[in-house]
Structure formats: C-alpha cells, structure tokens
C-alpha cells in the first residue's frame, strides 16, 4: 500500500497556459514622502455654564506633507453628558470583557458557601 492517499489517474491532463490578459496584477502606488508618517488627534469637551465647548485638533504627516486642522465650537449642555456616558459605557464594556476572560487564572472554588461555613 502506498503511503500517499491520493491516486493519480492513468490519463494525464495537459496543463494549459494562463492568458496574461486575464489576470491584472495591482502595483502599489509609489511613496514619495519617505518611510515615516504619523497622525495625531486631540479632542476636548468642556462643560461651562450649561453649554458644551468642543475643541479638536488633527496633525498628520503623510507623503511628505504636513497638515493641521483645528475646530472649536459650542453645543447644548446635554452633549457633554452624552459624550461622558458613551465613554463610560465603552470603558465598562471593555473592563467587563477583560474580567470575563480572567477566571481561568483564579484557583477553582471548592464547595459552595454553605459548605464552607
């Protein structure tokens, strides 16, 4: 018995050549700005006198071009509460996910609470 499970057929099929126009190879765009790029963004929400003040700034260096954008604006006071609530939900969700993944590190519980008392 052969050590290979696949068996060849007595008829061999001819290998056909691929049409060079059938496949289009994508070439990456040339990068003229060098090997270094970065992005920095900053957003600040302040609650002052029942209004929400928003400040945002973005700076990036891509393809040798440095660009900066800045924004300031005022919103209704409820916007601050919504942003804080959303941020807290994200942090709590990520913390809950992390805590659910850690029980395998804890020693197994032996018996129930009533048995230990």
C-alpha atoms as a PDB file:
ATOM      1  CA  UNK A   1       0.000   0.000   0.000  1.00  0.00           C
ATOM      2  CA  UNK A   2       1.276   3.418  -0.885  1.00  0.00           C
ATOM      3  CA  UNK A   3       1.985   5.938   1.805  1.00  0.00           C
ATOM      4  CA  UNK A   4       0.093   8.537  -0.230  1.00  0.00           C
ATOM      5  CA  UNK A   5      -3.679   8.504  -0.113  1.00  0.00           C
ATOM      6  CA  UNK A   6      -4.196  10.248  -3.432  1.00  0.00           C
ATOM      7  CA  UNK A   7      -4.045   8.165  -6.537  1.00  0.00           C
ATOM      8  CA  UNK A   8      -3.246   9.512  -9.939  1.00  0.00           C
ATOM      9  CA  UNK A   9      -5.344   8.605 -12.939  1.00  0.00           C
ATOM     10  CA  UNK A  10      -3.940   6.911 -15.942  1.00  0.00           C
ATOM     11  CA  UNK A  11      -4.975   9.849 -18.074  1.00  0.00           C
ATOM     12  CA  UNK A  12      -2.836  12.867 -17.527  1.00  0.00           C
ATOM     13  CA  UNK A  13      -4.444  16.202 -18.170  1.00  0.00           C
ATOM     14  CA  UNK A  14      -2.490  18.774 -20.042  1.00  0.00           C
ATOM     15  CA  UNK A  15      -1.614  21.955 -18.246  1.00  0.00           C
ATOM     16  CA  UNK A  16      -2.832  24.937 -20.150  1.00  0.00           C
ATOM     17  CA  UNK A  17      -1.131  28.279 -20.106  1.00  0.00           C
ATOM     18  CA  UNK A  18      -2.900  31.190 -18.467  1.00  0.00           C
ATOM     19  CA  UNK A  19      -3.882  34.127 -20.577  1.00  0.00           C
ATOM     20  CA  UNK A  20      -1.665  37.034 -19.430  1.00  0.00           C
ATOM     21  CA  UNK A  21      -4.519  39.493 -20.017  1.00  0.00           C
ATOM     22  CA  UNK A  22      -6.902  37.512 -17.789  1.00  0.00           C
ATOM     23  CA  UNK A  23      -5.117  38.470 -14.572  1.00  0.00           C
ATOM     24  CA  UNK A  24      -4.340  42.044 -13.677  1.00  0.00           C
ATOM     25  CA  UNK A  25      -1.631  42.498 -11.093  1.00  0.00           C
ATOM     26  CA  UNK A  26      -2.060  45.548  -8.899  1.00  0.00           C
ATOM     27  CA  UNK A  27       1.081  47.564  -8.386  1.00  0.00           C
ATOM     28  CA  UNK A  28       1.448  49.618  -5.210  1.00  0.00           C
ATOM     29  CA  UNK A  29       1.445  53.372  -5.585  1.00  0.00           C
ATOM     30  CA  UNK A  30       4.902  54.872  -5.249  1.00  0.00           C
ATOM     31  CA  UNK A  31       5.506  56.620  -1.947  1.00  0.00           C
ATOM     32  CA  UNK A  32       7.349  59.847  -2.418  1.00  0.00           C
ATOM     33  CA  UNK A  33       7.310  61.019   1.198  1.00  0.00           C
ATOM     34  CA  UNK A  34       9.781  58.567   2.631  1.00  0.00           C
ATOM     35  CA  UNK A  35       9.254  55.891   5.202  1.00  0.00           C
ATOM     36  CA  UNK A  36       7.942  57.995   8.102  1.00  0.00           C
ATOM     37  CA  UNK A  37       4.372  59.147   8.650  1.00  0.00           C
ATOM     38  CA  UNK A  38       2.277  59.932  11.697  1.00  0.00           C
ATOM     39  CA  UNK A  39      -1.144  61.151  12.826  1.00  0.00           C
ATOM     40  CA  UNK A  40      -2.036  62.989  15.997  1.00  0.00           C
ATOM     41  CA  UNK A  41      -5.531  63.960  17.070  1.00  0.00           C
ATOM     42  CA  UNK A  42      -6.820  65.712  20.155  1.00  0.00           C
ATOM     43  CA  UNK A  43     -10.421  66.331  21.197  1.00  0.00           C
ATOM     44  CA  UNK A  44     -11.547  68.153  24.316  1.00  0.00           C
ATOM     45  CA  UNK A  45     -15.070  68.536  25.706  1.00  0.00           C
ATOM     46  CA  UNK A  46     -15.667  71.171  28.394  1.00  0.00           C
ATOM     47  CA  UNK A  47     -18.873  71.868  30.263  1.00  0.00           C
ATOM     48  CA  UNK A  48     -19.162  75.555  31.110  1.00  0.00           C
ATOM     49  CA  UNK A  49     -22.301  77.377  32.182  1.00  0.00           C
ATOM     50  CA  UNK A  50     -24.748  74.816  30.791  1.00  0.00           C
ATOM     51  CA  UNK A  51     -23.004  74.768  27.396  1.00  0.00           C
ATOM     52  CA  UNK A  52     -20.564  72.240  25.949  1.00  0.00           C
ATOM     53  CA  UNK A  53     -17.403  73.607  24.362  1.00  0.00           C
ATOM     54  CA  UNK A  54     -15.645  71.343  21.859  1.00  0.00           C
ATOM     55  CA  UNK A  55     -12.043  71.743  20.713  1.00  0.00           C
ATOM     56  CA  UNK A  56     -10.453  69.374  18.231  1.00  0.00           C
ATOM     57  CA  UNK A  57      -7.085  69.324  16.510  1.00  0.00           C
ATOM     58  CA  UNK A  58      -5.537  66.937  13.989  1.00  0.00           C
ATOM     59  CA  UNK A  59      -1.984  66.959  12.708  1.00  0.00           C
ATOM     60  CA  UNK A  60      -0.589  64.477  10.225  1.00  0.00           C
ATOM     61  CA  UNK A  61       2.490  63.917   8.145  1.00  0.00           C
ATOM     62  CA  UNK A  62       1.803  61.759   5.113  1.00  0.00           C
ATOM     63  CA  UNK A  63       3.682  61.546   1.834  1.00  0.00           C
ATOM     64  CA  UNK A  64       5.986  64.356   2.906  1.00  0.00           C
ATOM     65  CA  UNK A  65       3.097  66.755   3.521  1.00  0.00           C
ATOM     66  CA  UNK A  66       2.402  68.194   6.973  1.00  0.00           C
ATOM     67  CA  UNK A  67      -1.197  69.285   7.527  1.00  0.00           C
ATOM     68  CA  UNK A  68      -3.043  70.584  10.573  1.00  0.00           C
ATOM     69  CA  UNK A  69      -6.764  71.074  11.172  1.00  0.00           C
ATOM     70  CA  UNK A  70      -8.375  72.735  14.181  1.00  0.00           C
ATOM     71  CA  UNK A  71     -12.005  73.130  15.239  1.00  0.00           C
ATOM     72  CA  UNK A  72     -13.783  74.918  18.083  1.00  0.00           C
ATOM     73  CA  UNK A  73     -17.496  75.109  18.712  1.00  0.00           C
ATOM     74  CA  UNK A  74     -20.277  75.343  21.274  1.00  0.00           C
ATOM     75  CA  UNK A  75     -23.042  72.788  21.734  1.00  0.00           C
ATOM     76  CA  UNK A  76     -26.010  72.278  24.022  1.00  0.00           C
ATOM     77  CA  UNK A  77     -25.145  71.225  27.587  1.00  0.00           C
ATOM     78  CA  UNK A  78     -26.618  67.753  27.048  1.00  0.00           C
ATOM     79  CA  UNK A  79     -23.890  66.945  24.531  1.00  0.00           C
ATOM     80  CA  UNK A  80     -21.289  66.789  27.314  1.00  0.00           C
ATOM     81  CA  UNK A  81     -23.425  64.357  29.328  1.00  0.00           C
ATOM     82  CA  UNK A  82     -23.899  62.124  26.273  1.00  0.00           C
ATOM     83  CA  UNK A  83     -20.166  62.063  25.480  1.00  0.00           C
ATOM     84  CA  UNK A  84     -19.267  61.206  29.077  1.00  0.00           C
ATOM     85  CA  UNK A  85     -21.945  58.487  29.226  1.00  0.00           C
ATOM     86  CA  UNK A  86     -20.715  56.974  25.949  1.00  0.00           C
ATOM     87  CA  UNK A  87     -17.076  56.982  27.134  1.00  0.00           C
ATOM     88  CA  UNK A  88     -18.058  55.356  30.437  1.00  0.00           C
ATOM     89  CA  UNK A  89     -20.024  52.641  28.615  1.00  0.00           C
ATOM     90  CA  UNK A  90     -17.019  51.862  26.410  1.00  0.00           C
ATOM     91  CA  UNK A  91     -14.653  51.632  29.386  1.00  0.00           C
ATOM     92  CA  UNK A  92     -17.097  49.483  31.380  1.00  0.00           C
ATOM     93  CA  UNK A  93     -17.714  47.209  28.400  1.00  0.00           C
ATOM     94  CA  UNK A  94     -14.004  46.658  27.844  1.00  0.00           C
ATOM     95  CA  UNK A  95     -13.432  46.103  31.569  1.00  0.00           C
ATOM     96  CA  UNK A  96     -16.251  43.535  31.712  1.00  0.00           C
ATOM     97  CA  UNK A  97     -14.794  41.715  28.702  1.00  0.00           C
ATOM     98  CA  UNK A  98     -11.373  41.635  30.364  1.00  0.00           C
ATOM     99  CA  UNK A  99     -12.775  40.361  33.668  1.00  0.00           C
ATOM    100  CA  UNK A 100     -14.770  37.629  31.888  1.00  0.00           C
ATOM    101  CA  UNK A 101     -11.549  36.374  30.294  1.00  0.00           C
ATOM    102  CA  UNK A 102      -9.609  36.128  33.584  1.00  0.00           C
ATOM    103  CA  UNK A 103     -11.426  33.463  35.681  1.00  0.00           C
ATOM    104  CA  UNK A 104      -9.176  30.698  34.368  1.00  0.00           C
ATOM    105  CA  UNK A 105      -6.319  32.372  36.299  1.00  0.00           C
ATOM    106  CA  UNK A 106      -8.131  32.006  39.628  1.00  0.00           C
ATOM    107  CA  UNK A 107      -7.975  28.829  41.704  1.00  0.00           C
ATOM    108  CA  UNK A 108     -11.098  26.665  41.470  1.00  0.00           C
ATOM    109  CA  UNK A 109     -13.737  27.191  44.160  1.00  0.00           C
ATOM    110  CA  UNK A 110     -14.135  24.250  46.476  1.00  0.00           C
ATOM    111  CA  UNK A 111     -17.668  23.630  47.606  1.00  0.00           C
ATOM    112  CA  UNK A 112     -20.482  26.099  47.999  1.00  0.00           C
ATOM    113  CA  UNK A 113     -20.694  28.928  50.502  1.00  0.00           C
ATOM    114  CA  UNK A 114     -22.917  26.953  52.856  1.00  0.00           C
ATOM    115  CA  UNK A 115     -20.401  24.060  52.905  1.00  0.00           C
ATOM    116  CA  UNK A 116     -17.539  26.392  53.880  1.00  0.00           C
ATOM    117  CA  UNK A 117     -19.402  27.880  56.874  1.00  0.00           C
END
